Amino acid sequence: MYKVLGSRNNRGNRSFRVNWGLEEMGLDYEVIETLPRSDEMFAINPLGQAPTVQFGDLTLTDSLAILHYLSSKTGTLTHASGTPERALMDARINFIITELEAPIWLLVRHVILRPKEARTPGVPAIAETDVAHAEKRFAKLLGDGNFFGGESFTIADIIAAHCLHWAECARITLQSDVTNSYLARMRARPAWARAEGN
């Protein structure tokens, strides 16, 4: 059984990505509530970040690396290495991480996480502008497709949908009907509800 050190709270918590992926793959896991940067987390992950996954003697860190490992191991939610389909999926994931997740994380740090004296004025407005630009590009890439990483549901959808959800948690209103429809479809997946503990 996989042990996920992190949280079931999906309000921007990257642990949710792993929980959702495990649910989609039908793998047994348990969530051990562990705060980022806590002594317990630093004891197993030198960066103190959530999620951290343990499986026997194996310890995995970074939500995307964990999802790549699990999907490759099970042969689900991914495409074979060296195929055009895998290249497309990887390109879409890279877009999400660099263009959408980065400004959301910047916004959260300067609005919620950092003490007021450590926040830089003007950064939230810049981050919101970058998210809006990324959303337009996301909608263009998705087009009339059902999934972001190809013709089937993959870990690209887990990363994309979670980042869009995270944007809403950061009080960013998604503007595109394409984007909102996509996020609604992803939230309607039974595994999403199970990952939330519902």
N, C-alpha and C. Protein backbone atom coordinates (compact mmCIF):
# COMPACT_ATOMS: atom_id res chain seq x y z
N MET A 1 0.83 -1.20 0.00
CA MET A 1 0.00 0.00 0.00
C MET A 1 0.87 1.25 0.00
N TYR A 2 0.47 2.22 -0.80
CA TYR A 2 1.20 3.48 -0.86
C TYR A 2 0.78 4.37 0.32
N LYS A 3 1.75 5.03 0.90
CA LYS A 3 1.49 5.98 1.97
C LYS A 3 1.76 7.38 1.43
N VAL A 4 0.74 8.20 1.44
CA VAL A 4 0.86 9.58 0.97
C VAL A 4 0.97 10.48 2.18
N LEU A 5 2.13 11.07 2.37
CA LEU A 5 2.30 12.04 3.45
C LEU A 5 1.96 13.41 2.89
N GLY A 6 0.88 13.95 3.37
CA GLY A 6 0.37 15.21 2.86
C GLY A 6 -0.99 15.46 3.42
N SER A 7 -2.00 15.61 2.53
CA SER A 7 -3.33 15.98 2.99
C SER A 7 -4.37 15.55 1.98
N ARG A 8 -5.62 15.46 2.42
CA ARG A 8 -6.74 15.25 1.51
C ARG A 8 -7.34 16.58 1.06
N ASN A 9 -6.93 17.65 1.69
CA ASN A 9 -7.45 18.97 1.33
C ASN A 9 -7.00 19.32 -0.09
N ASN A 10 -7.96 19.55 -0.99
CA ASN A 10 -7.58 19.80 -2.39
C ASN A 10 -7.53 21.29 -2.73
N ARG A 11 -7.55 22.15 -1.75
CA ARG A 11 -7.53 23.59 -2.02
C ARG A 11 -6.10 24.04 -2.35
N GLY A 12 -5.62 23.57 -3.47
CA GLY A 12 -4.29 23.97 -3.91
C GLY A 12 -3.19 23.05 -3.44
N ASN A 13 -3.54 22.09 -2.59
CA ASN A 13 -2.53 21.19 -2.06
C ASN A 13 -2.14 20.17 -3.13
N ARG A 14 -0.88 20.09 -3.46
CA ARG A 14 -0.44 19.17 -4.52
C ARG A 14 -0.61 17.71 -4.14
N SER A 15 -0.82 17.41 -2.87
CA SER A 15 -1.10 16.03 -2.47
C SER A 15 -2.33 15.50 -3.19
N PHE A 16 -3.29 16.39 -3.45
CA PHE A 16 -4.52 15.96 -4.11
C PHE A 16 -4.25 15.34 -5.47
N ARG A 17 -3.27 15.86 -6.18
CA ARG A 17 -2.93 15.30 -7.50
C ARG A 17 -2.58 13.82 -7.37
N VAL A 18 -1.77 13.52 -6.38
CA VAL A 18 -1.33 12.13 -6.19
C VAL A 18 -2.50 11.27 -5.74
N ASN A 19 -3.30 11.78 -4.79
CA ASN A 19 -4.47 11.03 -4.33
C ASN A 19 -5.40 10.72 -5.50
N TRP A 20 -5.65 11.73 -6.33
CA TRP A 20 -6.53 11.55 -7.48
C TRP A 20 -5.94 10.53 -8.45
N GLY A 21 -4.64 10.64 -8.72
CA GLY A 21 -4.01 9.69 -9.61
C GLY A 21 -4.10 8.26 -9.09
N LEU A 22 -3.86 8.08 -7.81
CA LEU A 22 -3.96 6.75 -7.20
C LEU A 22 -5.38 6.20 -7.32
N GLU A 23 -6.37 7.08 -7.14
CA GLU A 23 -7.76 6.65 -7.30
C GLU A 23 -8.05 6.26 -8.74
N GLU A 24 -7.59 7.06 -9.69
CA GLU A 24 -7.82 6.75 -11.11
C GLU A 24 -7.16 5.43 -11.51
N MET A 25 -6.01 5.14 -10.91
CA MET A 25 -5.28 3.91 -11.22
C MET A 25 -5.77 2.71 -10.44
N GLY A 26 -6.66 2.94 -9.48
CA GLY A 26 -7.18 1.83 -8.68
C GLY A 26 -6.18 1.24 -7.71
N LEU A 27 -5.24 2.05 -7.22
CA LEU A 27 -4.21 1.57 -6.32
C LEU A 27 -4.59 1.86 -4.87
N ASP A 28 -4.22 0.94 -3.99
CA ASP A 28 -4.48 1.12 -2.56
C ASP A 28 -3.51 2.13 -1.97
N TYR A 29 -4.03 3.02 -1.15
CA TYR A 29 -3.17 4.02 -0.51
C TYR A 29 -3.83 4.51 0.77
N GLU A 30 -3.05 5.11 1.60
CA GLU A 30 -3.57 5.79 2.77
C GLU A 30 -2.90 7.15 2.86
N VAL A 31 -3.66 8.13 3.34
CA VAL A 31 -3.13 9.49 3.51
C VAL A 31 -2.76 9.67 4.97
N ILE A 32 -1.52 10.05 5.20
CA ILE A 32 -1.05 10.35 6.55
C ILE A 32 -0.90 11.86 6.62
N GLU A 33 -1.81 12.50 7.34
CA GLU A 33 -1.81 13.95 7.42
C GLU A 33 -0.47 14.46 7.97
N THR A 34 0.26 15.14 7.11
CA THR A 34 1.59 15.64 7.47
C THR A 34 1.76 17.02 6.87
N LEU A 35 2.07 17.99 7.69
CA LEU A 35 2.21 19.36 7.20
C LEU A 35 3.53 19.55 6.46
N PRO A 36 3.50 20.33 5.38
CA PRO A 36 4.75 20.69 4.73
C PRO A 36 5.66 21.43 5.71
N ARG A 37 6.94 21.22 5.55
CA ARG A 37 7.96 21.88 6.37
C ARG A 37 7.85 21.56 7.86
N SER A 38 7.13 20.50 8.19
CA SER A 38 7.08 20.04 9.58
C SER A 38 8.28 19.14 9.86
N ASP A 39 8.56 18.92 11.12
CA ASP A 39 9.68 18.03 11.47
C ASP A 39 9.45 16.64 10.89
N GLU A 40 8.20 16.18 10.89
CA GLU A 40 7.89 14.85 10.36
C GLU A 40 8.18 14.78 8.86
N MET A 41 7.86 15.86 8.13
CA MET A 41 8.11 15.84 6.70
C MET A 41 9.60 15.96 6.40
N PHE A 42 10.29 16.84 7.10
CA PHE A 42 11.72 16.98 6.87
C PHE A 42 12.47 15.69 7.19
N ALA A 43 11.93 14.88 8.08
CA ALA A 43 12.60 13.62 8.46
C ALA A 43 12.65 12.64 7.29
N ILE A 44 11.73 12.77 6.33
CA ILE A 44 11.74 11.83 5.20
C ILE A 44 11.97 12.52 3.86
N ASN A 45 11.79 13.84 3.81
CA ASN A 45 11.98 14.59 2.57
C ASN A 45 12.83 15.82 2.90
N PRO A 46 14.07 15.88 2.43
CA PRO A 46 14.95 16.98 2.80
C PRO A 46 14.42 18.36 2.40
N LEU A 47 13.47 18.42 1.46
CA LEU A 47 12.86 19.69 1.08
C LEU A 47 11.65 20.02 1.94
N GLY A 48 11.17 19.06 2.69
CA GLY A 48 10.03 19.28 3.56
C GLY A 48 8.72 19.49 2.82
N GLN A 49 8.64 19.05 1.57
CA GLN A 49 7.48 19.34 0.73
C GLN A 49 6.46 18.21 0.74
N ALA A 50 5.20 18.59 0.57
CA ALA A 50 4.13 17.62 0.37
C ALA A 50 3.69 17.68 -1.10
N PRO A 51 3.37 16.51 -1.67
CA PRO A 51 3.33 15.21 -1.03
C PRO A 51 4.66 14.49 -1.07
N THR A 52 4.78 13.54 -0.19
CA THR A 52 5.86 12.56 -0.23
C THR A 52 5.19 11.20 -0.16
N VAL A 53 5.61 10.29 -1.01
CA VAL A 53 4.98 8.97 -1.05
C VAL A 53 6.00 7.91 -0.64
N GLN A 54 5.56 7.00 0.20
CA GLN A 54 6.39 5.87 0.61
C GLN A 54 5.73 4.57 0.18
N PHE A 55 6.56 3.67 -0.32
CA PHE A 55 6.08 2.35 -0.74
C PHE A 55 7.20 1.36 -0.45
N GLY A 56 7.07 0.61 0.64
CA GLY A 56 8.15 -0.25 1.07
C GLY A 56 9.36 0.60 1.43
N ASP A 57 10.50 0.30 0.84
CA ASP A 57 11.73 1.06 1.10
C ASP A 57 11.86 2.28 0.19
N LEU A 58 10.90 2.47 -0.69
CA LEU A 58 10.97 3.56 -1.67
C LEU A 58 10.31 4.82 -1.12
N THR A 59 10.99 5.95 -1.28
CA THR A 59 10.42 7.25 -0.94
C THR A 59 10.47 8.13 -2.18
N LEU A 60 9.31 8.67 -2.57
CA LEU A 60 9.20 9.50 -3.76
C LEU A 60 8.74 10.89 -3.38
N THR A 61 9.30 11.90 -4.03
CA THR A 61 8.92 13.28 -3.78
C THR A 61 8.56 13.96 -5.10
N ASP A 62 7.86 15.09 -5.01
CA ASP A 62 7.42 15.90 -6.13
C ASP A 62 6.21 15.24 -6.80
N SER A 63 5.08 15.96 -6.79
CA SER A 63 3.83 15.38 -7.28
C SER A 63 3.92 14.91 -8.73
N LEU A 64 4.56 15.68 -9.60
CA LEU A 64 4.66 15.27 -11.00
C LEU A 64 5.54 14.04 -11.16
N ALA A 65 6.67 14.00 -10.46
CA ALA A 65 7.54 12.83 -10.53
C ALA A 65 6.83 11.59 -10.01
N ILE A 66 6.04 11.76 -8.96
CA ILE A 66 5.28 10.64 -8.41
C ILE A 66 4.27 10.13 -9.42
N LEU A 67 3.55 11.05 -10.07
CA LEU A 67 2.56 10.64 -11.07
C LEU A 67 3.21 9.95 -12.27
N HIS A 68 4.35 10.48 -12.71
CA HIS A 68 5.07 9.81 -13.81
C HIS A 68 5.49 8.40 -13.40
N TYR A 69 5.99 8.26 -12.20
CA TYR A 69 6.41 6.93 -11.71
C TYR A 69 5.23 5.98 -11.69
N LEU A 70 4.13 6.39 -11.07
CA LEU A 70 2.97 5.51 -10.92
C LEU A 70 2.36 5.15 -12.27
N SER A 71 2.25 6.13 -13.17
CA SER A 71 1.65 5.84 -14.47
C SER A 71 2.55 4.93 -15.30
N SER A 72 3.86 5.14 -15.22
CA SER A 72 4.78 4.26 -15.95
C SER A 72 4.78 2.85 -15.38
N LYS A 73 4.72 2.76 -14.06
CA LYS A 73 4.73 1.45 -13.40
C LYS A 73 3.49 0.64 -13.74
N THR A 74 2.34 1.31 -13.76
CA THR A 74 1.08 0.60 -14.01
C THR A 74 0.69 0.55 -15.48
N GLY A 75 1.33 1.38 -16.31
CA GLY A 75 0.97 1.43 -17.72
C GLY A 75 -0.38 2.08 -17.95
N THR A 76 -0.78 2.97 -17.03
CA THR A 76 -2.07 3.65 -17.15
C THR A 76 -1.86 5.16 -17.10
N LEU A 77 -2.83 5.88 -17.64
CA LEU A 77 -2.84 7.36 -17.62
C LEU A 77 -1.60 7.97 -18.27
N THR A 78 -1.00 7.27 -19.20
CA THR A 78 0.18 7.77 -19.90
C THR A 78 0.25 7.14 -21.28
N HIS A 79 1.31 7.45 -22.01
CA HIS A 79 1.58 6.85 -23.31
C HIS A 79 2.99 6.28 -23.28
N ALA A 80 3.25 5.37 -24.17
CA ALA A 80 4.55 4.70 -24.20
C ALA A 80 5.66 5.70 -24.50
N SER A 81 6.78 5.53 -23.80
CA SER A 81 7.94 6.39 -24.02
C SER A 81 8.41 6.28 -25.47
N GLY A 82 8.79 7.42 -26.04
CA GLY A 82 9.30 7.44 -27.41
C GLY A 82 8.23 7.54 -28.48
N THR A 83 6.97 7.69 -28.08
CA THR A 83 5.89 7.82 -29.06
C THR A 83 5.49 9.29 -29.21
N PRO A 84 4.90 9.65 -30.36
CA PRO A 84 4.41 11.02 -30.52
C PRO A 84 3.37 11.39 -29.47
N GLU A 85 2.55 10.42 -29.09
CA GLU A 85 1.52 10.68 -28.07
C GLU A 85 2.15 11.06 -26.74
N ARG A 86 3.25 10.39 -26.40
CA ARG A 86 3.93 10.72 -25.14
C ARG A 86 4.57 12.10 -25.23
N ALA A 87 5.13 12.43 -26.38
CA ALA A 87 5.74 13.75 -26.55
C ALA A 87 4.70 14.85 -26.40
N LEU A 88 3.51 14.63 -26.96
CA LEU A 88 2.44 15.62 -26.82
C LEU A 88 2.02 15.77 -25.37
N MET A 89 1.84 14.64 -24.68
CA MET A 89 1.45 14.68 -23.28
C MET A 89 2.48 15.43 -22.45
N ASP A 90 3.75 15.11 -22.65
CA ASP A 90 4.81 15.77 -21.89
C ASP A 90 4.86 17.27 -22.19
N ALA A 91 4.66 17.64 -23.44
CA ALA A 91 4.67 19.06 -23.81
C ALA A 91 3.53 19.80 -23.12
N ARG A 92 2.37 19.17 -23.06
CA ARG A 92 1.23 19.79 -22.40
C ARG A 92 1.47 19.93 -20.90
N ILE A 93 2.07 18.93 -20.29
CA ILE A 93 2.39 19.02 -18.86
C ILE A 93 3.39 20.15 -18.62
N ASN A 94 4.40 20.24 -19.45
CA ASN A 94 5.40 21.31 -19.30
C ASN A 94 4.75 22.68 -19.43
N PHE A 95 3.81 22.81 -20.34
CA PHE A 95 3.08 24.08 -20.48
C PHE A 95 2.36 24.43 -19.19
N ILE A 96 1.65 23.47 -18.63
CA ILE A 96 0.89 23.73 -17.40
C ILE A 96 1.82 24.14 -16.26
N ILE A 97 2.91 23.42 -16.08
CA ILE A 97 3.81 23.69 -14.96
C ILE A 97 4.47 25.06 -15.08
N THR A 98 4.91 25.40 -16.29
CA THR A 98 5.65 26.66 -16.46
C THR A 98 4.76 27.87 -16.66
N GLU A 99 3.65 27.71 -17.38
CA GLU A 99 2.84 28.85 -17.75
C GLU A 99 1.66 29.11 -16.82
N LEU A 100 1.11 28.05 -16.22
CA LEU A 100 -0.07 28.23 -15.37
C LEU A 100 0.25 28.06 -13.89
N GLU A 101 0.91 26.98 -13.54
CA GLU A 101 1.18 26.74 -12.12
C GLU A 101 2.12 27.80 -11.54
N ALA A 102 3.13 28.19 -12.28
CA ALA A 102 4.13 29.13 -11.75
C ALA A 102 3.50 30.45 -11.27
N PRO A 103 2.67 31.12 -12.08
CA PRO A 103 2.10 32.36 -11.56
C PRO A 103 1.08 32.15 -10.44
N ILE A 104 0.38 31.01 -10.46
CA ILE A 104 -0.55 30.74 -9.35
C ILE A 104 0.23 30.60 -8.05
N TRP A 105 1.32 29.86 -8.09
CA TRP A 105 2.16 29.67 -6.90
C TRP A 105 2.74 31.00 -6.43
N LEU A 106 3.15 31.84 -7.38
CA LEU A 106 3.66 33.17 -7.03
C LEU A 106 2.58 33.99 -6.33
N LEU A 107 1.37 33.94 -6.86
CA LEU A 107 0.26 34.67 -6.25
C LEU A 107 -0.02 34.19 -4.83
N VAL A 108 -0.10 32.87 -4.66
CA VAL A 108 -0.39 32.30 -3.34
C VAL A 108 0.67 32.70 -2.33
N ARG A 109 1.92 32.69 -2.74
CA ARG A 109 2.99 33.06 -1.81
C ARG A 109 2.86 34.51 -1.36
N HIS A 110 2.48 35.40 -2.29
CA HIS A 110 2.46 36.83 -1.96
C HIS A 110 1.12 37.31 -1.40
N VAL A 111 0.12 36.44 -1.37
CA VAL A 111 -1.18 36.82 -0.82
C VAL A 111 -1.50 36.06 0.46
N ILE A 112 -1.01 34.82 0.56
CA ILE A 112 -1.39 33.96 1.68
C ILE A 112 -0.22 33.53 2.54
N LEU A 113 0.81 32.99 1.92
CA LEU A 113 1.83 32.28 2.69
C LEU A 113 2.87 33.18 3.36
N ARG A 114 3.34 34.18 2.64
CA ARG A 114 4.39 35.03 3.21
C ARG A 114 3.81 36.01 4.23
N PRO A 115 4.58 36.34 5.27
CA PRO A 115 4.12 37.40 6.17
C PRO A 115 4.01 38.71 5.40
N LYS A 116 3.13 39.57 5.85
CA LYS A 116 2.84 40.80 5.10
C LYS A 116 4.09 41.61 4.79
N GLU A 117 5.03 41.66 5.72
CA GLU A 117 6.22 42.46 5.49
C GLU A 117 7.15 41.87 4.43
N ALA A 118 6.92 40.60 4.07
CA ALA A 118 7.77 39.95 3.07
C ALA A 118 7.12 39.91 1.69
N ARG A 119 5.93 40.48 1.57
CA ARG A 119 5.23 40.46 0.29
C ARG A 119 5.66 41.65 -0.56
N THR A 120 5.75 41.42 -1.86
CA THR A 120 6.16 42.46 -2.79
C THR A 120 4.94 43.10 -3.44
N PRO A 121 4.75 44.40 -3.25
CA PRO A 121 3.60 45.06 -3.87
C PRO A 121 3.63 44.91 -5.40
N GLY A 122 2.49 44.71 -5.96
CA GLY A 122 2.38 44.60 -7.41
C GLY A 122 2.50 43.19 -7.94
N VAL A 123 3.09 42.28 -7.17
CA VAL A 123 3.27 40.91 -7.65
C VAL A 123 1.94 40.21 -7.90
N PRO A 124 0.95 40.31 -7.00
CA PRO A 124 -0.33 39.63 -7.27
C PRO A 124 -0.97 40.05 -8.59
N ALA A 125 -0.93 41.33 -8.91
CA ALA A 125 -1.53 41.80 -10.17
C ALA A 125 -0.81 41.21 -11.37
N ILE A 126 0.52 41.14 -11.30
CA ILE A 126 1.30 40.55 -12.39
C ILE A 126 0.96 39.06 -12.54
N ALA A 127 0.88 38.37 -11.40
CA ALA A 127 0.57 36.94 -11.42
C ALA A 127 -0.81 36.69 -12.01
N GLU A 128 -1.79 37.50 -11.63
CA GLU A 128 -3.15 37.32 -12.16
C GLU A 128 -3.18 37.55 -13.67
N THR A 129 -2.43 38.53 -14.15
CA THR A 129 -2.35 38.77 -15.59
C THR A 129 -1.73 37.57 -16.30
N ASP A 130 -0.69 37.00 -15.72
CA ASP A 130 -0.04 35.83 -16.31
C ASP A 130 -0.97 34.62 -16.34
N VAL A 131 -1.76 34.43 -15.27
CA VAL A 131 -2.71 33.32 -15.24
C VAL A 131 -3.77 33.50 -16.33
N ALA A 132 -4.28 34.71 -16.48
CA ALA A 132 -5.28 34.97 -17.51
C ALA A 132 -4.73 34.68 -18.90
N HIS A 133 -3.48 35.07 -19.14
CA HIS A 133 -2.84 34.79 -20.43
C HIS A 133 -2.68 33.29 -20.63
N ALA A 134 -2.27 32.59 -19.58
CA ALA A 134 -2.08 31.14 -19.67
C ALA A 134 -3.42 30.44 -19.91
N GLU A 135 -4.48 30.94 -19.29
CA GLU A 135 -5.79 30.31 -19.50
C GLU A 135 -6.22 30.42 -20.96
N LYS A 136 -6.00 31.55 -21.59
CA LYS A 136 -6.34 31.71 -23.00
C LYS A 136 -5.58 30.71 -23.86
N ARG A 137 -4.31 30.54 -23.55
CA ARG A 137 -3.50 29.60 -24.32
C ARG A 137 -3.93 28.16 -24.05
N PHE A 138 -4.31 27.87 -22.79
CA PHE A 138 -4.81 26.54 -22.45
C PHE A 138 -6.05 26.23 -23.28
N ALA A 139 -7.00 27.17 -23.32
CA ALA A 139 -8.24 26.97 -24.06
C ALA A 139 -7.95 26.74 -25.55
N LYS A 140 -6.97 27.46 -26.07
CA LYS A 140 -6.60 27.29 -27.49
C LYS A 140 -6.01 25.91 -27.73
N LEU A 141 -5.14 25.46 -26.82
CA LEU A 141 -4.55 24.12 -26.97
C LEU A 141 -5.60 23.03 -26.84
N LEU A 142 -6.53 23.18 -25.91
CA LEU A 142 -7.55 22.16 -25.70
C LEU A 142 -8.53 22.12 -26.86
N GLY A 143 -8.92 23.30 -27.35
CA GLY A 143 -9.86 23.35 -28.46
C GLY A 143 -11.16 22.65 -28.11
N ASP A 144 -11.64 21.77 -29.00
CA ASP A 144 -12.86 21.03 -28.73
C ASP A 144 -12.58 19.62 -28.23
N GLY A 145 -11.34 19.39 -27.78
CA GLY A 145 -10.99 18.07 -27.25
C GLY A 145 -11.56 17.85 -25.86
N ASN A 146 -11.68 16.60 -25.49
CA ASN A 146 -12.16 16.25 -24.15
C ASN A 146 -11.04 16.21 -23.12
N PHE A 147 -9.83 15.93 -23.60
CA PHE A 147 -8.70 15.76 -22.69
C PHE A 147 -7.53 16.62 -23.15
N PHE A 148 -6.68 17.01 -22.19
CA PHE A 148 -5.62 17.96 -22.50
C PHE A 148 -4.36 17.28 -23.02
N GLY A 149 -4.13 16.04 -22.65
CA GLY A 149 -2.89 15.38 -23.02
C GLY A 149 -3.00 14.42 -24.17
N GLY A 150 -4.10 14.47 -24.92
CA GLY A 150 -4.28 13.56 -26.04
C GLY A 150 -5.72 13.11 -26.15
N GLU A 151 -5.91 11.90 -26.69
CA GLU A 151 -7.26 11.40 -26.95
C GLU A 151 -7.88 10.70 -25.74
N SER A 152 -7.11 10.53 -24.68
CA SER A 152 -7.62 9.84 -23.50
C SER A 152 -7.16 10.57 -22.24
N PHE A 153 -7.79 10.25 -21.13
CA PHE A 153 -7.44 10.85 -19.85
C PHE A 153 -6.05 10.39 -19.43
N THR A 154 -5.17 11.35 -19.08
CA THR A 154 -3.81 11.03 -18.66
C THR A 154 -3.44 11.89 -17.45
N ILE A 155 -2.21 11.69 -16.99
CA ILE A 155 -1.74 12.51 -15.87
C ILE A 155 -1.66 13.98 -16.26
N ALA A 156 -1.63 14.29 -17.55
CA ALA A 156 -1.67 15.69 -17.98
C ALA A 156 -2.97 16.34 -17.53
N ASP A 157 -4.06 15.58 -17.54
CA ASP A 157 -5.35 16.11 -17.09
C ASP A 157 -5.36 16.31 -15.58
N ILE A 158 -4.70 15.43 -14.86
CA ILE A 158 -4.63 15.60 -13.41
C ILE A 158 -3.92 16.90 -13.06
N ILE A 159 -2.79 17.15 -13.70
CA ILE A 159 -2.03 18.37 -13.43
C ILE A 159 -2.81 19.59 -13.89
N ALA A 160 -3.37 19.54 -15.09
CA ALA A 160 -4.09 20.69 -15.64
C ALA A 160 -5.32 21.03 -14.82
N ALA A 161 -6.15 20.04 -14.53
CA ALA A 161 -7.39 20.31 -13.79
C ALA A 161 -7.08 20.79 -12.38
N HIS A 162 -6.06 20.20 -11.76
CA HIS A 162 -5.73 20.65 -10.41
C HIS A 162 -5.25 22.09 -10.41
N CYS A 163 -4.45 22.49 -11.39
CA CYS A 163 -3.97 23.87 -11.45
C CYS A 163 -5.12 24.84 -11.70
N LEU A 164 -6.05 24.48 -12.56
CA LEU A 164 -7.21 25.33 -12.79
C LEU A 164 -8.06 25.44 -11.53
N HIS A 165 -8.22 24.34 -10.84
CA HIS A 165 -8.93 24.34 -9.56
C HIS A 165 -8.20 25.22 -8.55
N TRP A 166 -6.89 25.09 -8.53
CA TRP A 166 -6.05 25.88 -7.62
C TRP A 166 -6.22 27.38 -7.91
N ALA A 167 -6.32 27.73 -9.18
CA ALA A 167 -6.53 29.13 -9.55
C ALA A 167 -7.83 29.65 -8.93
N GLU A 168 -8.88 28.84 -9.00
CA GLU A 168 -10.15 29.25 -8.39
C GLU A 168 -10.01 29.37 -6.87
N CYS A 169 -9.27 28.46 -6.26
CA CYS A 169 -9.03 28.54 -4.82
C CYS A 169 -8.31 29.84 -4.45
N ALA A 170 -7.48 30.33 -5.38
CA ALA A 170 -6.76 31.59 -5.16
C ALA A 170 -7.60 32.80 -5.58
N ARG A 171 -8.90 32.56 -5.79
CA ARG A 171 -9.87 33.60 -6.13
C ARG A 171 -9.61 34.25 -7.48
N ILE A 172 -9.13 33.44 -8.41
CA ILE A 172 -9.00 33.88 -9.80
C ILE A 172 -10.19 33.32 -10.56
N THR A 173 -10.94 34.17 -11.22
CA THR A 173 -12.11 33.74 -11.98
C THR A 173 -11.67 33.30 -13.37
N LEU A 174 -11.95 32.06 -13.70
CA LEU A 174 -11.63 31.55 -15.03
C LEU A 174 -12.61 32.15 -16.04
N GLN A 175 -12.08 32.64 -17.15
CA GLN A 175 -12.89 33.42 -18.09
C GLN A 175 -13.44 32.62 -19.26
N SER A 176 -12.77 31.55 -19.63
CA SER A 176 -13.12 30.84 -20.86
C SER A 176 -14.18 29.77 -20.60
N ASP A 177 -15.20 29.72 -21.48
CA ASP A 177 -16.19 28.65 -21.40
C ASP A 177 -15.54 27.30 -21.64
N VAL A 178 -14.54 27.28 -22.51
CA VAL A 178 -13.82 26.03 -22.78
C VAL A 178 -13.14 25.53 -21.51
N THR A 179 -12.47 26.43 -20.82
CA THR A 179 -11.77 26.07 -19.60
C THR A 179 -12.73 25.63 -18.51
N ASN A 180 -13.79 26.38 -18.31
CA ASN A 180 -14.75 26.05 -17.26
C ASN A 180 -15.46 24.72 -17.53
N SER A 181 -15.78 24.46 -18.79
CA SER A 181 -16.41 23.19 -19.15
C SER A 181 -15.46 22.02 -18.90
N TYR A 182 -14.20 22.21 -19.28
CA TYR A 182 -13.20 21.17 -19.05
C TYR A 182 -13.06 20.87 -17.56
N LEU A 183 -12.93 21.91 -16.74
CA LEU A 183 -12.75 21.71 -15.31
C LEU A 183 -13.97 21.02 -14.71
N ALA A 184 -15.16 21.38 -15.16
CA ALA A 184 -16.38 20.73 -14.66
C ALA A 184 -16.37 19.23 -14.99
N ARG A 185 -15.91 18.88 -16.19
CA ARG A 185 -15.85 17.46 -16.57
C ARG A 185 -14.87 16.71 -15.69
N MET A 186 -13.74 17.33 -15.41
CA MET A 186 -12.74 16.66 -14.59
C MET A 186 -13.23 16.49 -13.15
N ARG A 187 -13.89 17.51 -12.62
CA ARG A 187 -14.42 17.42 -11.25
C ARG A 187 -15.53 16.39 -11.14
N ALA A 188 -16.20 16.09 -12.27
CA ALA A 188 -17.29 15.13 -12.25
C ALA A 188 -16.80 13.68 -12.28
N ARG A 189 -15.52 13.47 -12.48
CA ARG A 189 -15.00 12.11 -12.50
C ARG A 189 -15.15 11.50 -11.10
N PRO A 190 -15.63 10.27 -11.00
CA PRO A 190 -15.81 9.65 -9.68
C PRO A 190 -14.54 9.62 -8.84
N ALA A 191 -13.39 9.45 -9.49
CA ALA A 191 -12.13 9.38 -8.75
C ALA A 191 -11.81 10.71 -8.07
N TRP A 192 -12.26 11.83 -8.65
CA TRP A 192 -12.03 13.14 -8.00
C TRP A 192 -12.72 13.15 -6.64
N ALA A 193 -13.99 12.75 -6.61
CA ALA A 193 -14.74 12.73 -5.35
C ALA A 193 -14.11 11.76 -4.36
N ARG A 194 -13.70 10.61 -4.84
CA ARG A 194 -13.06 9.64 -3.92
C ARG A 194 -11.79 10.18 -3.33
N ALA A 195 -11.01 10.92 -4.15
CA ALA A 195 -9.75 11.49 -3.66
C ALA A 195 -10.01 12.54 -2.58
N GLU A 196 -11.15 13.18 -2.65
CA GLU A 196 -11.52 14.16 -1.62
C GLU A 196 -12.06 13.48 -0.36
N GLY A 197 -12.28 12.17 -0.45
CA GLY A 197 -12.82 11.44 0.69
C GLY A 197 -14.33 11.43 0.71
N ASN A 198 -14.96 11.77 -0.44
CA ASN A 198 -16.42 11.80 -0.51
C ASN A 198 -16.97 10.50 -1.09
